[in-house]
Each structure stands twice: as C-alpha cells, then as structure tokens.
Protein backbone atom coordinates (compact mmCIF):
# COMPACT_ATOMS: atom_id res chain seq x y z
CA MET A 1 73.29 96.92 116.24
CA ALA A 2 71.94 97.01 119.63
CA ALA A 3 73.91 95.81 122.57
CA SER A 4 71.70 92.80 122.91
CA GLU A 5 72.04 91.85 119.19
CA HIS A 6 74.81 89.40 119.78
CA ARG A 7 74.64 86.35 117.52
CA CYS A 8 75.61 82.74 117.72
CA VAL A 9 78.45 82.31 115.12
CA GLY A 10 77.05 78.75 114.39
CA CYS A 11 73.42 79.18 113.67
CA GLY A 12 73.02 82.99 113.83
CA PHE A 13 70.52 82.98 116.68
CA ARG A 14 70.31 86.08 118.94
CA VAL A 15 72.00 85.61 122.15
CA LYS A 16 71.75 87.81 125.36
CA SER A 17 75.31 87.40 126.40
CA LEU A 18 78.43 85.64 124.97
CA PHE A 19 80.36 84.84 128.24
CA ILE A 20 80.22 85.05 131.93
CA GLN A 21 83.23 86.67 133.62
CA TYR A 22 83.90 85.21 137.21
CA SER A 23 87.25 87.21 137.73
CA PRO A 24 89.62 89.31 135.55
CA GLY A 25 90.96 86.90 132.98
CA ASN A 26 88.58 84.07 134.02
CA ILE A 27 85.56 83.83 131.81
CA ARG A 28 83.26 81.12 130.72
CA LEU A 29 81.68 81.10 127.18
CA MET A 30 78.01 80.88 126.94
CA LYS A 31 76.11 78.30 124.80
CA CYS A 32 73.44 79.29 122.18
CA GLY A 33 69.83 78.38 123.42
CA ASN A 34 69.06 77.22 119.93
CA CYS A 35 71.83 74.94 118.66
CA LYS A 36 73.30 74.38 122.30
CA GLU A 37 76.89 75.03 120.92
CA VAL A 38 79.24 77.58 122.18
CA ALA A 39 77.86 80.91 120.87
CA ASP A 40 81.20 82.53 119.87
CA GLU A 41 84.45 80.65 120.27
CA TYR A 42 86.37 83.44 118.62
CA ILE A 43 86.21 85.58 121.80
CA GLU A 44 89.23 83.55 123.12
CA CYS A 45 90.92 83.52 119.65
CA GLU A 46 94.02 85.83 118.72
CA ARG A 47 93.47 88.54 116.17
CA MET A 48 95.79 86.78 113.89
CA ILE A 49 93.69 83.65 113.80
CA ILE A 50 90.51 85.81 113.22
CA PHE A 51 92.29 87.56 110.26
CA ILE A 52 93.33 84.19 108.68
CA ASP A 53 89.75 82.82 109.04
CA LEU A 54 88.44 86.00 107.39
CA ILE A 55 90.80 85.42 104.34
CA LEU A 56 89.52 81.82 104.18
CA HIS A 57 85.95 83.23 104.07
CA ARG A 58 84.60 81.21 107.04
CA PRO A 59 80.91 82.16 107.74
CA LYS A 60 81.60 81.89 111.54
CA VAL A 61 84.20 84.56 111.62
CA TYR A 62 82.01 86.87 109.52
CA ARG A 63 79.27 86.49 112.07
CA HIS A 64 81.79 87.30 114.95
CA VAL A 65 83.14 90.42 113.26
CA LEU A 66 79.82 91.86 112.10
CA TYR A 67 77.60 91.15 115.26
CA ASN A 68 79.97 90.36 118.25
CA ALA A 69 83.26 92.12 117.79
CA ILE A 70 81.89 95.77 117.60
CA ASN A 71 80.32 96.96 120.94
CA PRO A 72 77.87 99.83 120.28
CA ALA A 73 78.16 100.97 123.89
CA THR A 74 81.76 101.87 123.45
CA VAL A 75 82.04 102.39 119.58
CA ASN A 76 80.36 105.24 117.67
CA ILE A 77 78.92 103.42 114.46
CA GLN A 78 78.51 106.68 112.68
CA HIS A 79 82.01 107.80 113.36
CA LEU A 80 83.36 104.34 112.38
CA LEU A 81 81.45 104.54 109.02
CA TRP A 82 83.05 107.96 108.20
CA LYS A 83 86.49 106.63 109.13
CA LEU A 84 86.14 103.60 106.91
CA VAL A 85 84.75 105.84 103.98
CA PHE A 86 87.75 107.98 104.31
CA ALA A 87 90.26 105.22 104.35
CA TYR A 88 88.68 103.30 101.43
CA LEU A 89 88.68 106.36 99.40
CA LEU A 90 92.46 106.90 99.96
CA LEU A 91 92.95 103.22 99.07
CA ASP A 92 90.74 103.59 95.88
CA CYS A 93 92.91 106.72 94.85
CA TYR A 94 95.95 104.50 95.27
CA ARG A 95 94.59 101.85 93.30
CA SER A 96 93.56 104.12 90.38
CA LEU A 97 97.08 105.74 90.40
CA LEU A 98 98.77 102.25 90.16
CA LEU A 99 96.48 101.50 87.11
CA ARG A 100 97.30 104.90 85.47
CA LYS A 101 100.89 104.21 86.24
CA SER A 102 100.81 101.11 84.12
CA ASP A 103 99.66 103.37 81.22
CA GLU A 104 102.90 105.12 80.33
CA GLU A 105 101.28 107.55 77.82
CA SER A 106 98.89 109.08 80.31
CA SER A 107 101.37 109.03 83.11
CA PHE A 108 103.82 111.30 81.08
CA SER A 109 101.36 113.31 79.26
CA ASP A 110 99.49 114.68 82.40
CA SER A 111 100.79 116.91 84.96
CA PRO A 112 100.84 115.64 88.56
CA VAL A 113 97.97 118.25 89.52
CA LEU A 114 95.73 117.20 86.56
CA LEU A 115 96.39 113.47 87.25
CA SER A 116 95.40 113.96 90.89
CA ILE A 117 92.23 115.71 89.92
CA LYS A 118 91.38 113.12 87.38
CA VAL A 119 91.83 110.20 89.90
CA LEU A 120 89.93 112.18 92.71
CA ILE A 121 87.07 112.69 90.34
CA GLY A 122 87.02 109.19 89.08
CA VAL A 123 87.02 107.71 92.73
CA LEU A 124 84.35 110.00 93.93
CA SER A 125 82.02 109.37 91.02
CA ALA A 126 82.30 105.57 91.14
CA ASN A 127 81.81 105.42 95.05
CA ALA A 128 78.82 107.98 94.52
CA ALA A 129 77.30 105.68 91.98
CA PHE A 130 77.69 102.84 94.25
CA ILE A 131 76.07 104.45 97.24
CA ILE A 132 73.15 105.70 95.08
CA SER A 133 72.69 102.17 93.71
CA PHE A 134 72.85 100.63 97.20
CA ALA A 135 70.18 103.17 98.41
CA ILE A 136 67.83 102.56 95.68
CA ALA A 137 68.14 98.74 95.94
CA THR A 138 67.67 98.52 99.81
CA LYS A 139 64.91 101.06 99.98
CA GLY A 140 62.59 98.81 98.15
CA LEU A 141 63.81 95.68 100.30
CA LEU A 142 64.31 97.24 103.63
CA ASN A 143 62.11 99.83 105.43
CA GLU A 144 64.25 100.22 108.53
CA VAL A 145 66.92 102.98 108.31
CA SER A 146 69.02 101.14 111.01
CA ARG A 147 68.96 98.00 109.02
CA ARG A 148 70.33 99.64 105.93
CA ARG A 149 73.01 101.31 108.06
CA GLU A 150 73.90 97.82 109.47
CA ILE A 151 74.22 96.38 105.99
CA MET A 152 76.30 99.33 104.79
CA LEU A 153 78.78 98.89 107.75
CA GLY A 154 78.86 95.18 107.02
CA ILE A 155 79.97 96.08 103.32
CA PHE A 156 82.58 98.39 104.57
CA ILE A 157 83.89 96.07 107.11
CA SER A 158 84.06 93.12 104.70
CA SER A 159 86.04 95.35 102.32
CA TYR A 160 89.13 94.91 104.28
CA PHE A 161 90.90 93.28 101.28
CA LYS A 162 91.72 96.84 100.10
CA ILE A 163 94.45 97.15 102.65
CA PHE A 164 96.53 94.54 100.68
CA LEU A 165 97.08 97.29 98.15
CA LEU A 166 99.47 98.92 100.69
CA ALA A 167 101.84 95.84 100.19
CA MET A 168 102.60 97.31 96.76
CA LEU A 169 104.27 100.29 98.55
CA VAL A 170 106.90 97.89 99.81
CA TRP A 171 107.14 95.04 97.25
CA GLU A 172 106.79 95.31 93.52
CA PHE A 173 103.86 93.20 92.15
CA PRO A 174 102.30 92.80 88.66
CA MET A 175 99.22 94.78 87.97
CA SER A 176 97.25 91.52 87.81
CA VAL A 177 97.39 91.57 91.62
CA ILE A 178 95.09 94.50 91.80
CA PHE A 179 92.45 92.54 89.86
CA PHE A 180 92.90 89.45 92.11
CA VAL A 181 92.42 91.78 95.03
CA ASP A 182 89.17 93.01 93.53
CA ILE A 183 87.80 89.49 93.14
CA LEU A 184 88.55 88.72 96.78
CA LEU A 185 86.85 91.95 97.70
CA LEU A 186 83.70 91.00 95.96
CA THR A 187 83.71 87.38 97.41
CA SER A 188 84.06 89.01 100.93
CA ASN A 189 81.32 91.47 100.31
CA SER A 190 79.04 88.58 99.00
CA MET A 191 79.78 86.49 102.25
CA ALA A 192 79.01 89.32 104.64
CA LEU A 193 75.71 90.26 102.56
CA LYS A 194 74.64 86.54 102.40
CA ASP A 195 75.19 86.12 106.14
CA MET A 196 73.33 89.37 107.03
CA TRP A 197 70.49 88.64 104.63
CA ASP A 198 70.12 84.97 105.82
CA SER A 199 69.97 86.12 109.35
CA PRO A 200 67.11 84.80 111.46
CA MET A 201 66.08 88.40 112.13
CA ASN A 202 64.84 88.78 108.58
CA VAL A 203 61.11 88.11 108.39
CA GLY A 204 60.01 85.85 105.44
CA HIS A 205 63.27 83.81 105.37
CA GLN A 206 62.98 80.07 105.83
CA HIS A 207 64.80 80.35 109.22
CA ILE A 208 62.78 79.95 112.27
CA VAL A 209 62.06 83.55 113.73
CA ALA A 210 61.83 83.62 117.44
CA THR A 211 60.17 86.34 119.41
CA PRO A 212 62.18 88.44 121.87
CA SER A 213 60.64 86.68 124.80
CA GLU A 214 61.56 83.25 123.39
CA CYS A 215 65.14 84.46 122.87
CA HIS A 216 65.31 85.74 126.43
CA ARG A 217 63.88 82.41 127.80
CA LYS A 218 66.38 80.38 125.95
CA ASP A 219 69.27 82.68 127.13
CA GLU A 220 68.05 82.45 130.58
CA GLU A 221 68.02 78.53 130.38
CA ALA A 222 71.41 78.74 129.03
CA VAL A 223 72.76 81.03 131.65
CA GLU A 224 71.29 78.90 134.42
CA ALA A 225 72.82 75.67 132.78
CA GLU A 226 76.36 77.41 132.61
CA VAL A 227 76.15 78.81 136.08
CA GLU A 228 74.94 75.70 137.80
CA ALA A 229 77.39 73.30 136.09
CA PRO A 230 80.47 74.65 137.69
CA LEU A 231 79.00 74.61 141.03
CA ASP A 232 78.07 70.93 140.74
CA SER A 233 81.67 70.11 139.78
CA TYR A 234 83.12 71.81 142.71
CA PRO A 235 84.58 69.45 145.41
CA GLU A 236 82.59 69.51 148.71
CA ASN A 237 83.93 71.70 151.36
CA ALA A 238 83.85 71.08 155.02
CA THR A 239 80.64 72.97 155.63
CA THR A 240 78.81 71.00 152.92
CA MET A 241 80.16 67.63 154.41
CA ALA A 242 79.09 68.57 157.91
CA ARG A 243 75.60 69.34 156.73
CA LYS A 244 75.31 65.92 154.95
CA GLN A 245 76.47 63.98 158.08
CA PRO A 246 73.47 62.51 159.99
CA LYS A 247 72.65 64.14 163.27
CA ALA A 248 73.20 62.15 166.42
CA SER A 249 70.12 60.88 168.06
C-alpha cells in the first residue's frame, strides 16, 4: 500500500491525508472529499477501543487497520508478513497440540518428539495448502502482484483472533472454545476480504471509480476548507481591527 493510499473509513474513498498537524499534540482531522465526513476518526481513539471494535466486526475499524494504521514509509511490509507467518505458525502448532491433548490415546502412545513432528508436519501442510489455493484463486482474479500481497496481508492482519488461544495457557477452557475461535477467525477474514474487494479501487465494481486527478482535486478542496475554517473563526486581533477602521479624510 502506497503512502498516498489512505482511505476514508466511511466510504472507502482514497484521501491524500488524514489530518493536519498544527503543533505537537494539536491536530485537525481531515474530511473525505467524497462523503464530506471525517476521513478516519480512529486516529484519536485508544488502542483498546480499536480492539473492541475489531471484535465487534465494524467495517470502519477494518478500513482503519488495513489502510491507515500501517505506514509503509516506516514499516517494512515484507518483514511484517514474515513475522505474522511465524507467529501464526506457532499458534497453529499450539492449537493442534490442544486438540491432540484432548485425545488421551494419541497423547500417551506417541513420544514427545514424534508428537512434535506430527504436529509440525500437519500445520505446515495445512498452511501450504491454503497458500497454494489462495495463489491459484487470486492469480485468475488479480493481475497485480502488489494487490495480491495486499490481500494476503489483510488476511494475516484479520487473523488476530488466534491470539485468544494464548488465554488457554492461563485459564482452563473446554475444547469447544477452539472451534468458537475458528468461527470468529473466519468471520474476521470474511470482513477484511469483503472490505478490500469492495474497495472503490477495484475496476468493474458498482462503486464510482475516480481518477487520481479527481481524488487529488477533492483532497485539495477538503484541505482548503479545513485550513480556512479555523482562520475565519479566530477572533480579530489589533492589526486586523486597525485595517478595518476607515481612514480619516
């Protein structure tokens, strides 16, 4: 995602900037040139509020996380992908161990080394099958490699529900919780894919697709409106009042 690929969380329209910073800690949120609403109100929200809205599957917070929260200028997307892959592989291994632990026969008959090898092979083969299926499906639908990488990153980011498995290290839950987490994981991935696929960037969708010049023109109009509004609301100073006084004849 390019640095200029910020999106309005309301309508998904591309915006040039999300806020104007007048001084450290003093910012003004920009409005979208398409829907005329604040482009991203989650910029001023605490991370806990963002996390709660993610659990509630609100589309606006998904657009914030997928398009506006990660700055490609400071974050290496490739490294982030590999870190997420490694973390999720560990969580998948832990999930497989929990399921095997519920089966008393297999947990007592297999040695720890053999059990670890079986778990690792199962997890790697399942994830490899998913990646191959994803590559085949997106190759026919999307021609751009960057777009496929963007959707893959969206799937990994929306798979955050896997971290709830770590709670089973502290508290004891029934095995049905694992399947409940799997359901939430699928719904979260579906929300992310729907939002990224229904983006106005996609040609052929029923949304209105604007050219880059139109996007920049609307952004410039929004910037001018945001910058001029505070100046008009400022109280008149002595210099301004002196200029407005009529000159003596």
